[in-house]
Structures are given as structure tokens and as C-alpha cells.
N, C-alpha and C. Protein backbone atom coordinates (compact mmCIF):
# COMPACT_ATOMS: atom_id res chain seq x y z
N GLN A 1 31.54 -17.65 -40.84
CA GLN A 1 30.20 -17.99 -40.38
C GLN A 1 30.06 -17.59 -38.91
N GLN A 2 28.90 -16.97 -38.59
CA GLN A 2 28.66 -16.50 -37.23
C GLN A 2 28.32 -17.68 -36.31
N LYS A 3 28.91 -17.65 -35.11
CA LYS A 3 28.67 -18.69 -34.11
C LYS A 3 27.29 -18.47 -33.49
N MET A 4 26.48 -19.52 -33.41
CA MET A 4 25.14 -19.42 -32.84
C MET A 4 25.20 -19.71 -31.34
N GLY A 5 24.17 -19.28 -30.61
CA GLY A 5 24.07 -19.57 -29.18
C GLY A 5 24.85 -18.58 -28.34
N LEU A 6 25.37 -19.03 -27.22
CA LEU A 6 26.12 -18.16 -26.32
C LEU A 6 27.47 -17.83 -26.95
N ASN A 7 27.76 -16.55 -27.03
CA ASN A 7 29.06 -16.11 -27.54
C ASN A 7 29.94 -15.77 -26.36
N GLU A 8 31.17 -16.24 -26.38
CA GLU A 8 32.06 -16.06 -25.24
C GLU A 8 32.36 -14.60 -24.93
N ARG A 9 32.43 -13.77 -25.94
CA ARG A 9 32.84 -12.39 -25.69
C ARG A 9 31.78 -11.56 -24.96
N SER A 10 30.53 -11.99 -24.95
CA SER A 10 29.51 -11.21 -24.27
C SER A 10 29.66 -11.30 -22.76
N ASN A 11 30.25 -12.41 -22.27
CA ASN A 11 30.47 -12.62 -20.84
C ASN A 11 29.21 -12.51 -20.01
N ASN A 12 28.05 -12.74 -20.57
CA ASN A 12 26.81 -12.71 -19.81
C ASN A 12 25.97 -13.93 -20.14
N ILE A 13 25.27 -14.41 -19.11
CA ILE A 13 24.31 -15.49 -19.27
C ILE A 13 22.95 -14.86 -19.00
N PHE A 14 22.05 -14.92 -19.95
CA PHE A 14 20.74 -14.30 -19.80
C PHE A 14 19.73 -15.32 -19.29
N ILE A 15 19.07 -14.96 -18.20
CA ILE A 15 18.15 -15.87 -17.53
C ILE A 15 16.80 -15.16 -17.37
N ASN A 16 15.73 -15.84 -17.72
CA ASN A 16 14.39 -15.30 -17.52
C ASN A 16 13.63 -16.14 -16.50
N VAL A 17 12.65 -15.51 -15.88
CA VAL A 17 11.74 -16.21 -14.98
C VAL A 17 10.55 -16.65 -15.83
N SER A 18 10.27 -17.96 -15.84
CA SER A 18 9.16 -18.46 -16.65
C SER A 18 8.58 -19.73 -16.04
N LYS A 19 7.29 -19.70 -15.79
CA LYS A 19 6.54 -20.88 -15.33
C LYS A 19 7.22 -21.60 -14.16
N GLY A 20 7.63 -20.84 -13.16
CA GLY A 20 8.19 -21.43 -11.96
C GLY A 20 9.63 -21.88 -12.06
N LYS A 21 10.36 -21.41 -13.08
CA LYS A 21 11.77 -21.79 -13.27
C LYS A 21 12.58 -20.59 -13.72
N LEU A 22 13.90 -20.67 -13.52
CA LEU A 22 14.84 -19.76 -14.15
C LEU A 22 15.26 -20.48 -15.42
N VAL A 23 15.11 -19.84 -16.58
CA VAL A 23 15.38 -20.52 -17.84
C VAL A 23 16.42 -19.76 -18.68
N THR A 24 17.26 -20.53 -19.36
CA THR A 24 18.24 -19.98 -20.29
C THR A 24 18.10 -20.70 -21.62
N GLY A 25 18.56 -20.04 -22.65
CA GLY A 25 18.61 -20.67 -23.97
C GLY A 25 17.33 -20.52 -24.76
N PRO A 26 17.40 -20.88 -26.04
CA PRO A 26 16.23 -20.79 -26.92
C PRO A 26 15.17 -21.83 -26.54
N LYS A 27 13.92 -21.59 -26.96
CA LYS A 27 12.81 -22.48 -26.59
C LYS A 27 13.06 -23.94 -26.94
N ASP A 28 13.75 -24.20 -28.04
CA ASP A 28 13.98 -25.58 -28.46
C ASP A 28 15.16 -26.23 -27.72
N ASN A 29 15.89 -25.45 -26.90
CA ASN A 29 17.02 -26.00 -26.17
C ASN A 29 17.15 -25.33 -24.80
N ARG A 30 16.00 -25.19 -24.12
CA ARG A 30 15.95 -24.51 -22.83
C ARG A 30 16.60 -25.32 -21.73
N LYS A 31 17.26 -24.61 -20.82
CA LYS A 31 17.76 -25.23 -19.60
C LYS A 31 17.00 -24.57 -18.46
N GLU A 32 16.54 -25.37 -17.52
CA GLU A 32 15.73 -24.86 -16.40
C GLU A 32 16.47 -25.07 -15.08
N TYR A 33 16.34 -24.06 -14.21
CA TYR A 33 16.98 -24.10 -12.90
C TYR A 33 15.97 -23.64 -11.85
N ASN A 34 16.19 -24.06 -10.59
CA ASN A 34 15.32 -23.64 -9.49
C ASN A 34 15.81 -22.38 -8.80
N SER A 35 17.16 -22.15 -8.84
CA SER A 35 17.71 -21.00 -8.14
C SER A 35 19.07 -20.61 -8.70
N TYR A 36 19.53 -19.44 -8.29
CA TYR A 36 20.86 -18.95 -8.65
C TYR A 36 21.44 -18.26 -7.42
N THR A 37 22.72 -18.52 -7.11
CA THR A 37 23.38 -17.87 -5.98
C THR A 37 24.55 -17.04 -6.49
N GLY A 38 24.59 -15.78 -6.08
CA GLY A 38 25.70 -14.91 -6.47
C GLY A 38 25.58 -13.56 -5.81
N ASN A 39 26.57 -12.71 -6.06
CA ASN A 39 26.56 -11.34 -5.55
C ASN A 39 25.81 -10.46 -6.53
N LEU A 40 24.91 -9.64 -6.01
CA LEU A 40 24.14 -8.70 -6.84
C LEU A 40 25.04 -7.52 -7.18
N LEU A 41 25.29 -7.31 -8.47
CA LEU A 41 26.19 -6.25 -8.94
C LEU A 41 25.45 -5.02 -9.43
N ALA A 42 24.23 -5.21 -9.95
CA ALA A 42 23.47 -4.09 -10.52
C ALA A 42 22.01 -4.46 -10.63
N ILE A 43 21.16 -3.43 -10.63
CA ILE A 43 19.72 -3.62 -10.84
C ILE A 43 19.22 -2.42 -11.63
N GLU A 44 18.36 -2.69 -12.59
CA GLU A 44 17.78 -1.59 -13.37
C GLU A 44 16.44 -2.01 -13.96
N ALA A 45 15.62 -1.00 -14.24
CA ALA A 45 14.33 -1.23 -14.90
C ALA A 45 14.49 -0.82 -16.36
N PHE A 46 13.78 -1.51 -17.24
CA PHE A 46 13.80 -1.13 -18.65
C PHE A 46 12.46 -1.47 -19.29
N PRO A 47 12.06 -0.69 -20.29
CA PRO A 47 10.78 -0.98 -20.96
C PRO A 47 10.92 -2.20 -21.88
N ASP A 48 9.85 -2.98 -21.95
CA ASP A 48 9.84 -4.16 -22.80
C ASP A 48 8.40 -4.39 -23.27
N GLU A 49 8.17 -5.52 -23.90
CA GLU A 49 6.83 -5.85 -24.39
C GLU A 49 6.51 -7.30 -24.03
N TYR A 50 5.27 -7.54 -23.60
CA TYR A 50 4.82 -8.90 -23.31
C TYR A 50 3.42 -9.06 -23.88
N GLU A 51 3.27 -10.06 -24.75
CA GLU A 51 1.99 -10.33 -25.43
C GLU A 51 1.44 -9.04 -26.05
N GLY A 52 2.32 -8.27 -26.68
CA GLY A 52 1.92 -7.07 -27.41
C GLY A 52 1.66 -5.84 -26.56
N LYS A 53 1.85 -5.96 -25.24
CA LYS A 53 1.59 -4.82 -24.35
C LYS A 53 2.91 -4.33 -23.75
N PRO A 54 3.04 -3.00 -23.58
CA PRO A 54 4.27 -2.49 -22.94
C PRO A 54 4.31 -2.87 -21.46
N VAL A 55 5.48 -3.30 -20.99
CA VAL A 55 5.69 -3.66 -19.58
C VAL A 55 7.05 -3.12 -19.13
N ASN A 56 7.21 -3.00 -17.82
CA ASN A 56 8.52 -2.71 -17.24
C ASN A 56 9.15 -4.01 -16.82
N LYS A 57 10.40 -4.20 -17.19
CA LYS A 57 11.13 -5.38 -16.75
C LYS A 57 12.24 -4.94 -15.82
N ILE A 58 12.62 -5.82 -14.93
CA ILE A 58 13.73 -5.60 -14.02
C ILE A 58 14.87 -6.52 -14.45
N LYS A 59 16.06 -5.96 -14.48
CA LYS A 59 17.25 -6.71 -14.86
C LYS A 59 18.22 -6.67 -13.68
N CYS A 60 18.51 -7.85 -13.11
CA CYS A 60 19.45 -7.97 -11.99
C CYS A 60 20.71 -8.67 -12.50
N THR A 61 21.85 -8.04 -12.30
CA THR A 61 23.12 -8.62 -12.72
C THR A 61 23.82 -9.21 -11.51
N PHE A 62 24.12 -10.51 -11.59
CA PHE A 62 24.78 -11.25 -10.51
C PHE A 62 26.09 -11.84 -11.01
N ASN A 63 26.98 -12.17 -10.07
CA ASN A 63 28.16 -12.97 -10.39
C ASN A 63 28.38 -13.94 -9.25
N ASP A 64 28.66 -15.20 -9.61
CA ASP A 64 28.82 -16.23 -8.57
C ASP A 64 30.26 -16.39 -8.09
N GLY A 65 31.19 -15.62 -8.67
CA GLY A 65 32.60 -15.71 -8.26
C GLY A 65 33.35 -16.86 -8.90
N LYS A 66 32.65 -17.77 -9.58
CA LYS A 66 33.29 -18.91 -10.24
C LYS A 66 33.40 -18.67 -11.75
N GLU A 67 32.36 -18.07 -12.31
CA GLU A 67 32.30 -17.84 -13.75
C GLU A 67 32.81 -16.44 -14.07
N PRO A 68 33.52 -16.29 -15.19
CA PRO A 68 33.85 -14.91 -15.59
C PRO A 68 32.58 -14.19 -16.08
N ALA A 69 31.60 -14.96 -16.51
CA ALA A 69 30.37 -14.38 -17.04
C ALA A 69 29.45 -13.94 -15.90
N ASN A 70 28.75 -12.85 -16.12
CA ASN A 70 27.70 -12.42 -15.19
C ASN A 70 26.41 -13.11 -15.59
N ALA A 71 25.54 -13.31 -14.62
CA ALA A 71 24.20 -13.83 -14.89
C ALA A 71 23.24 -12.65 -14.82
N ILE A 72 22.48 -12.45 -15.87
CA ILE A 72 21.50 -11.36 -15.90
C ILE A 72 20.12 -11.99 -15.82
N ILE A 73 19.47 -11.78 -14.68
CA ILE A 73 18.15 -12.36 -14.43
C ILE A 73 17.11 -11.27 -14.65
N SER A 74 16.17 -11.52 -15.56
CA SER A 74 15.12 -10.55 -15.89
C SER A 74 13.76 -11.08 -15.52
N PHE A 75 12.91 -10.16 -15.05
CA PHE A 75 11.53 -10.52 -14.73
C PHE A 75 10.65 -9.28 -14.86
N GLN A 76 9.37 -9.49 -15.06
CA GLN A 76 8.42 -8.39 -15.19
C GLN A 76 8.21 -7.76 -13.82
N GLU A 77 8.30 -6.42 -13.77
CA GLU A 77 8.18 -5.71 -12.49
C GLU A 77 6.81 -5.94 -11.86
N ASP A 78 5.75 -5.73 -12.62
CA ASP A 78 4.39 -5.89 -12.07
C ASP A 78 3.92 -7.34 -12.23
N SER A 79 4.60 -8.21 -11.46
CA SER A 79 4.28 -9.64 -11.48
C SER A 79 4.39 -10.15 -10.04
N TRP A 80 3.86 -11.33 -9.80
CA TRP A 80 3.97 -11.90 -8.45
C TRP A 80 5.41 -12.22 -8.11
N TYR A 81 6.22 -12.55 -9.12
CA TYR A 81 7.66 -12.73 -8.89
C TYR A 81 8.27 -11.40 -8.43
N GLY A 82 7.89 -10.31 -9.10
CA GLY A 82 8.38 -8.98 -8.73
C GLY A 82 7.99 -8.62 -7.30
N VAL A 83 6.76 -8.94 -6.92
CA VAL A 83 6.30 -8.67 -5.55
C VAL A 83 7.19 -9.42 -4.55
N GLY A 84 7.44 -10.70 -4.83
CA GLY A 84 8.29 -11.50 -3.94
C GLY A 84 9.71 -10.97 -3.87
N PHE A 85 10.25 -10.58 -5.02
CA PHE A 85 11.62 -10.05 -5.07
C PHE A 85 11.73 -8.77 -4.23
N PHE A 86 10.88 -7.78 -4.54
CA PHE A 86 11.00 -6.48 -3.87
C PHE A 86 10.59 -6.54 -2.39
N SER A 87 9.76 -7.51 -2.01
CA SER A 87 9.36 -7.61 -0.61
C SER A 87 10.44 -8.29 0.24
N ARG A 88 11.37 -8.99 -0.40
CA ARG A 88 12.42 -9.70 0.34
C ARG A 88 13.79 -9.02 0.26
N ILE A 89 14.09 -8.38 -0.84
CA ILE A 89 15.43 -7.81 -1.05
C ILE A 89 15.79 -6.80 0.04
N LEU A 90 14.79 -6.12 0.61
CA LEU A 90 15.04 -5.16 1.69
C LEU A 90 15.61 -5.82 2.94
N ASN A 91 15.40 -7.12 3.10
CA ASN A 91 15.92 -7.85 4.26
C ASN A 91 17.26 -8.53 3.99
N CYS A 92 17.84 -8.27 2.81
CA CYS A 92 19.12 -8.90 2.45
C CYS A 92 20.29 -7.97 2.75
N ASP A 93 21.44 -8.59 3.04
CA ASP A 93 22.70 -7.87 3.11
C ASP A 93 23.28 -7.92 1.70
N ILE A 94 23.21 -6.79 1.00
CA ILE A 94 23.59 -6.74 -0.42
C ILE A 94 25.07 -7.02 -0.63
N SER A 95 25.89 -6.90 0.43
CA SER A 95 27.33 -7.16 0.29
C SER A 95 27.65 -8.65 0.30
N LYS A 96 26.64 -9.49 0.55
CA LYS A 96 26.86 -10.94 0.62
C LYS A 96 26.07 -11.65 -0.48
N PRO A 97 26.48 -12.89 -0.84
CA PRO A 97 25.75 -13.63 -1.87
C PRO A 97 24.28 -13.86 -1.49
N ILE A 98 23.45 -13.81 -2.50
CA ILE A 98 22.01 -14.01 -2.36
C ILE A 98 21.61 -15.20 -3.24
N THR A 99 20.79 -16.08 -2.71
CA THR A 99 20.21 -17.14 -3.54
C THR A 99 18.81 -16.67 -3.93
N LEU A 100 18.61 -16.56 -5.22
CA LEU A 100 17.35 -16.10 -5.79
C LEU A 100 16.68 -17.34 -6.39
N GLY A 101 15.49 -17.66 -5.91
CA GLY A 101 14.82 -18.87 -6.36
C GLY A 101 13.44 -18.61 -6.92
N VAL A 102 12.91 -19.64 -7.54
CA VAL A 102 11.60 -19.56 -8.19
C VAL A 102 10.77 -20.77 -7.80
N SER A 103 9.51 -20.52 -7.52
CA SER A 103 8.55 -21.62 -7.37
C SER A 103 7.32 -21.23 -8.19
N ASN A 104 6.52 -22.23 -8.52
CA ASN A 104 5.36 -21.92 -9.36
C ASN A 104 4.06 -22.01 -8.58
N SER A 105 3.04 -21.39 -9.14
CA SER A 105 1.71 -21.39 -8.55
C SER A 105 1.01 -22.70 -8.89
N GLU A 106 0.28 -23.23 -7.92
CA GLU A 106 -0.49 -24.44 -8.20
C GLU A 106 -1.77 -24.11 -8.97
N GLN A 107 -2.23 -22.83 -8.89
CA GLN A 107 -3.46 -22.43 -9.57
C GLN A 107 -3.22 -22.04 -11.04
N ASN A 108 -2.03 -21.48 -11.34
CA ASN A 108 -1.78 -20.99 -12.70
C ASN A 108 -0.32 -21.24 -13.05
N GLU A 109 -0.08 -22.12 -14.04
CA GLU A 109 1.29 -22.51 -14.39
C GLU A 109 2.14 -21.34 -14.88
N LYS A 110 1.51 -20.25 -15.36
CA LYS A 110 2.27 -19.11 -15.86
C LYS A 110 2.77 -18.21 -14.73
N VAL A 111 2.26 -18.39 -13.51
CA VAL A 111 2.62 -17.52 -12.38
C VAL A 111 3.83 -18.10 -11.65
N SER A 112 4.83 -17.25 -11.41
CA SER A 112 6.04 -17.62 -10.67
C SER A 112 6.14 -16.78 -9.41
N PHE A 113 6.66 -17.39 -8.36
CA PHE A 113 6.90 -16.69 -7.11
C PHE A 113 8.40 -16.68 -6.81
N CYS A 114 8.85 -15.64 -6.11
CA CYS A 114 10.26 -15.49 -5.76
C CYS A 114 10.50 -15.87 -4.30
N TRP A 115 11.56 -16.61 -4.06
CA TRP A 115 12.04 -16.84 -2.70
C TRP A 115 13.52 -16.50 -2.67
N MET A 116 14.03 -16.17 -1.48
CA MET A 116 15.44 -15.80 -1.33
C MET A 116 16.02 -16.43 -0.08
N LYS A 117 17.33 -16.66 -0.15
CA LYS A 117 18.10 -17.13 1.00
C LYS A 117 19.43 -16.39 1.03
N GLN A 118 19.98 -16.27 2.22
CA GLN A 118 21.38 -15.85 2.39
C GLN A 118 22.00 -16.86 3.33
N GLY A 119 22.98 -17.60 2.81
CA GLY A 119 23.52 -18.72 3.58
C GLY A 119 22.41 -19.72 3.78
N ASP A 120 22.17 -20.13 5.02
CA ASP A 120 21.10 -21.08 5.32
C ASP A 120 19.80 -20.38 5.70
N LYS A 121 19.83 -19.06 5.75
CA LYS A 121 18.69 -18.30 6.26
C LYS A 121 17.70 -17.94 5.15
N LYS A 122 16.46 -18.37 5.33
CA LYS A 122 15.39 -17.99 4.40
C LYS A 122 15.05 -16.52 4.65
N ILE A 123 14.94 -15.75 3.59
CA ILE A 123 14.63 -14.32 3.70
C ILE A 123 13.12 -14.14 3.68
N GLU A 124 12.61 -13.55 4.75
CA GLU A 124 11.17 -13.30 4.86
C GLU A 124 10.81 -11.96 4.22
N LYS A 125 9.52 -11.76 4.01
CA LYS A 125 9.04 -10.49 3.46
C LYS A 125 9.27 -9.37 4.46
N HIS A 126 9.65 -8.20 3.95
CA HIS A 126 9.85 -7.02 4.79
C HIS A 126 8.48 -6.51 5.25
N PRO A 127 8.36 -6.03 6.50
CA PRO A 127 7.05 -5.58 6.99
C PRO A 127 6.49 -4.35 6.25
N ASP A 128 7.35 -3.57 5.61
CA ASP A 128 6.88 -2.35 4.93
C ASP A 128 6.47 -2.59 3.47
N VAL A 129 6.42 -3.85 3.04
CA VAL A 129 6.10 -4.14 1.64
C VAL A 129 4.72 -3.61 1.27
N VAL A 130 4.62 -3.08 0.06
CA VAL A 130 3.34 -2.62 -0.49
C VAL A 130 2.99 -3.60 -1.60
N THR A 131 1.83 -4.22 -1.51
CA THR A 131 1.42 -5.19 -2.53
C THR A 131 0.30 -4.60 -3.38
N PRO A 132 0.07 -5.17 -4.57
CA PRO A 132 -1.03 -4.67 -5.40
C PRO A 132 -2.36 -4.83 -4.67
N THR A 133 -3.25 -3.88 -4.88
CA THR A 133 -4.55 -3.97 -4.24
C THR A 133 -5.54 -4.61 -5.21
N LYS A 134 -6.35 -5.48 -4.65
CA LYS A 134 -7.29 -6.29 -5.44
C LYS A 134 -8.68 -5.67 -5.35
N THR A 135 -9.33 -5.50 -6.49
CA THR A 135 -10.72 -5.05 -6.52
C THR A 135 -11.51 -5.95 -7.45
N THR A 136 -12.80 -5.96 -7.27
CA THR A 136 -13.67 -6.75 -8.14
C THR A 136 -14.41 -5.82 -9.08
N LYS A 137 -14.26 -6.11 -10.35
CA LYS A 137 -14.95 -5.33 -11.38
C LYS A 137 -16.23 -6.09 -11.72
N LYS A 138 -17.37 -5.44 -11.52
CA LYS A 138 -18.67 -6.08 -11.77
C LYS A 138 -18.86 -6.38 -13.25
N GLY A 139 -19.37 -7.56 -13.51
CA GLY A 139 -19.67 -7.94 -14.88
C GLY A 139 -20.89 -7.19 -15.39
N ILE A 140 -20.90 -6.89 -16.67
CA ILE A 140 -22.01 -6.16 -17.28
C ILE A 140 -22.87 -7.14 -18.09
N ARG A 141 -24.20 -6.97 -18.01
CA ARG A 141 -25.15 -7.78 -18.77
C ARG A 141 -24.91 -9.28 -18.62
N GLY A 142 -24.79 -9.72 -17.38
CA GLY A 142 -24.65 -11.17 -17.13
C GLY A 142 -23.23 -11.70 -17.18
N ALA A 143 -22.27 -10.87 -17.60
CA ALA A 143 -20.88 -11.34 -17.64
C ALA A 143 -20.37 -11.52 -16.21
N ALA A 144 -19.44 -12.44 -16.04
CA ALA A 144 -18.90 -12.73 -14.70
C ALA A 144 -18.09 -11.55 -14.17
N ASP A 145 -18.11 -11.41 -12.85
CA ASP A 145 -17.24 -10.41 -12.21
C ASP A 145 -15.79 -10.82 -12.44
N THR A 146 -14.89 -9.84 -12.53
CA THR A 146 -13.48 -10.15 -12.71
C THR A 146 -12.65 -9.46 -11.63
N THR A 147 -11.55 -10.08 -11.29
CA THR A 147 -10.62 -9.51 -10.31
C THR A 147 -9.62 -8.63 -11.04
N VAL A 148 -9.43 -7.42 -10.54
CA VAL A 148 -8.49 -6.47 -11.13
C VAL A 148 -7.52 -6.03 -10.04
N TYR A 149 -6.24 -5.91 -10.41
CA TYR A 149 -5.23 -5.47 -9.45
C TYR A 149 -4.74 -4.08 -9.81
N ASP A 150 -4.58 -3.22 -8.80
CA ASP A 150 -3.99 -1.90 -8.98
C ASP A 150 -2.51 -2.04 -8.60
N TRP A 151 -1.65 -1.97 -9.62
CA TRP A 151 -0.21 -2.16 -9.42
C TRP A 151 0.52 -0.86 -9.11
N VAL A 152 -0.13 0.30 -9.23
CA VAL A 152 0.56 1.59 -9.09
C VAL A 152 1.26 1.73 -7.72
N PRO A 153 0.58 1.48 -6.59
CA PRO A 153 1.28 1.62 -5.30
C PRO A 153 2.50 0.68 -5.20
N PHE A 154 2.36 -0.54 -5.73
CA PHE A 154 3.49 -1.48 -5.71
C PHE A 154 4.64 -0.96 -6.56
N MET A 155 4.34 -0.41 -7.74
CA MET A 155 5.39 0.09 -8.64
C MET A 155 6.15 1.25 -7.97
N GLU A 156 5.44 2.09 -7.22
CA GLU A 156 6.11 3.17 -6.49
C GLU A 156 7.03 2.57 -5.41
N PHE A 157 6.55 1.54 -4.71
CA PHE A 157 7.35 0.85 -3.71
C PHE A 157 8.58 0.21 -4.35
N SER A 158 8.41 -0.45 -5.49
CA SER A 158 9.54 -1.12 -6.13
C SER A 158 10.59 -0.11 -6.60
N GLU A 159 10.15 1.08 -7.06
CA GLU A 159 11.12 2.12 -7.47
C GLU A 159 11.95 2.58 -6.28
N LYS A 160 11.31 2.82 -5.15
CA LYS A 160 12.04 3.24 -3.94
C LYS A 160 12.99 2.13 -3.48
N THR A 161 12.52 0.89 -3.54
CA THR A 161 13.34 -0.24 -3.14
C THR A 161 14.55 -0.38 -4.06
N MET A 162 14.34 -0.19 -5.38
CA MET A 162 15.45 -0.26 -6.33
C MET A 162 16.50 0.80 -6.02
N ALA A 163 16.07 2.02 -5.67
CA ALA A 163 17.00 3.09 -5.33
C ALA A 163 17.83 2.67 -4.10
N TRP A 164 17.18 2.07 -3.10
CA TRP A 164 17.89 1.58 -1.91
C TRP A 164 18.91 0.51 -2.29
N VAL A 165 18.50 -0.45 -3.14
CA VAL A 165 19.39 -1.54 -3.55
C VAL A 165 20.61 -0.96 -4.27
N LYS A 166 20.41 0.00 -5.18
CA LYS A 166 21.53 0.61 -5.90
C LYS A 166 22.51 1.26 -4.92
N GLU A 167 21.98 1.94 -3.92
CA GLU A 167 22.82 2.57 -2.90
C GLU A 167 23.62 1.52 -2.12
N GLU A 168 22.96 0.40 -1.78
CA GLU A 168 23.63 -0.67 -1.04
C GLU A 168 24.70 -1.35 -1.89
N ILE A 169 24.44 -1.51 -3.19
CA ILE A 169 25.45 -2.08 -4.10
C ILE A 169 26.67 -1.16 -4.14
N TYR A 170 26.41 0.14 -4.25
CA TYR A 170 27.49 1.13 -4.28
C TYR A 170 28.33 1.03 -3.00
N LYS A 171 27.66 1.00 -1.83
CA LYS A 171 28.37 0.92 -0.54
C LYS A 171 29.18 -0.36 -0.44
N ALA A 172 28.64 -1.46 -0.95
CA ALA A 172 29.32 -2.76 -0.87
C ALA A 172 30.59 -2.80 -1.72
N ASN A 173 30.66 -1.92 -2.72
CA ASN A 173 31.78 -1.96 -3.67
C ASN A 173 32.74 -0.78 -3.55
N HIS A 174 32.55 0.07 -2.52
CA HIS A 174 33.43 1.23 -2.33
C HIS A 174 33.84 1.34 -0.87
N THR A 175 35.03 1.86 -0.65
CA THR A 175 35.49 2.08 0.73
C THR A 175 34.79 3.30 1.30
N ASP A 176 34.81 3.42 2.64
CA ASP A 176 34.22 4.60 3.29
C ASP A 176 34.87 5.88 2.77
N GLN A 177 36.18 5.84 2.53
CA GLN A 177 36.88 7.02 2.02
C GLN A 177 36.37 7.40 0.63
N GLU A 178 36.18 6.41 -0.25
CA GLU A 178 35.66 6.69 -1.60
C GLU A 178 34.25 7.28 -1.52
N ILE A 179 33.44 6.76 -0.61
CA ILE A 179 32.07 7.25 -0.45
C ILE A 179 32.09 8.71 0.01
N ARG A 180 32.96 9.02 0.99
CA ARG A 180 33.08 10.42 1.47
C ARG A 180 33.57 11.35 0.36
N GLN A 181 34.54 10.89 -0.44
CA GLN A 181 35.06 11.70 -1.55
C GLN A 181 33.98 11.97 -2.58
N ASP A 182 33.20 10.93 -2.91
CA ASP A 182 32.09 11.11 -3.87
C ASP A 182 31.06 12.07 -3.34
N ALA A 183 30.72 11.97 -2.04
CA ALA A 183 29.74 12.86 -1.43
C ALA A 183 30.24 14.30 -1.46
N ALA A 184 31.53 14.50 -1.16
CA ALA A 184 32.11 15.84 -1.17
C ALA A 184 32.12 16.42 -2.58
N ALA A 185 32.37 15.60 -3.57
CA ALA A 185 32.42 16.05 -4.97
C ALA A 185 31.03 16.48 -5.46
N GLN A 186 29.96 15.91 -4.86
CA GLN A 186 28.60 16.24 -5.29
C GLN A 186 28.07 17.50 -4.62
N GLU A 187 28.77 17.98 -3.58
CA GLU A 187 28.29 19.17 -2.85
C GLU A 187 28.60 20.44 -3.61
């Protein structure tokens, strides 16, 4: 008989951002957390689906140094959580543990925001952050005006930021000599 739930051999704990919390486990047995602290080992984007629509998700792999299992934290790239993540990660020292936290919006329970710390230091937004631009779409035939966000400039910013993070992860895990050897091999 197959074992249900977390299987030991996978060595990963899957965590999603949902309604102002980091959550693990199935809906009927969810565990909720406010934050996670660990070393960032990898970051990648992957296609997914949300409410029947295609979306890009970001997968961050962390390890806290205590568990043999890695924690894989996933969130939607074009989300307010994504904006908070990518606007702060540029101010982090990737070679040191990062505390990744979640808070929720008072206006909309489905909206989550990202905060970060390193040690006791709260990580502020980087000055070069690009955020989604807000426009108002006029209602037709008496319909109410609606707010629309253009996420394209932010998505371009997040891609560049992800490339920087990957480079910093590589530097944090290789000696200067290994980096020089890899650079020479690519020439």
C-alpha cells in the first residue's frame, strides 16, 4: 500500500503562498506559517495554471541547515507577493540565510505581501524596482470603471532579477578558483 502525505524519499517540503500565509499540506490538513528562514539554493520560473488561466510561478528552493529536506516555496510571479519578493531580494546577501515572510492585505484576503529579513535587519525595497502600472479602463454603457494592471514591465524586471539571483547563488556555492575555471571553459 502506498504511503499518503509527505514521503521521506522526496526530501522536499512544498510550501505555497496563500491568503497571507505560507501553507503546507492538503486543504483538509493544512499547516500555516508566517515565515521561513534558510539559505536560498535555487530559483526558477515554471508555467502553471490558476483558476483555469495560464500563469508563471516562481519556485524558490531553501534549506534551513537543520532539516535534510529542502523547502520549496512557490508563488505566482505576477502577484503582489512577487512584487515584494523581487523588489527586496536585490538587497539581500544571497550567501547568508534569508527570512521570507508573508502578510495579508486588509482589503482583500486573497492578496499576500512579501517581507524579508536577514538577521535582525528588515530588507527594504530596492530603489530600481519596477512595479506594475495601473490604468483605469472606462466602463461601457453604464458599467463601472475597472482598474487594470500592466504586468509586462514588472515581468521583465523579475526575469533580470532572477538571472542576478542565480548568479549570486552560483558565486555563494563556488570558490573564486572554480568560478575562474568555469569562465575560462566558456571562452
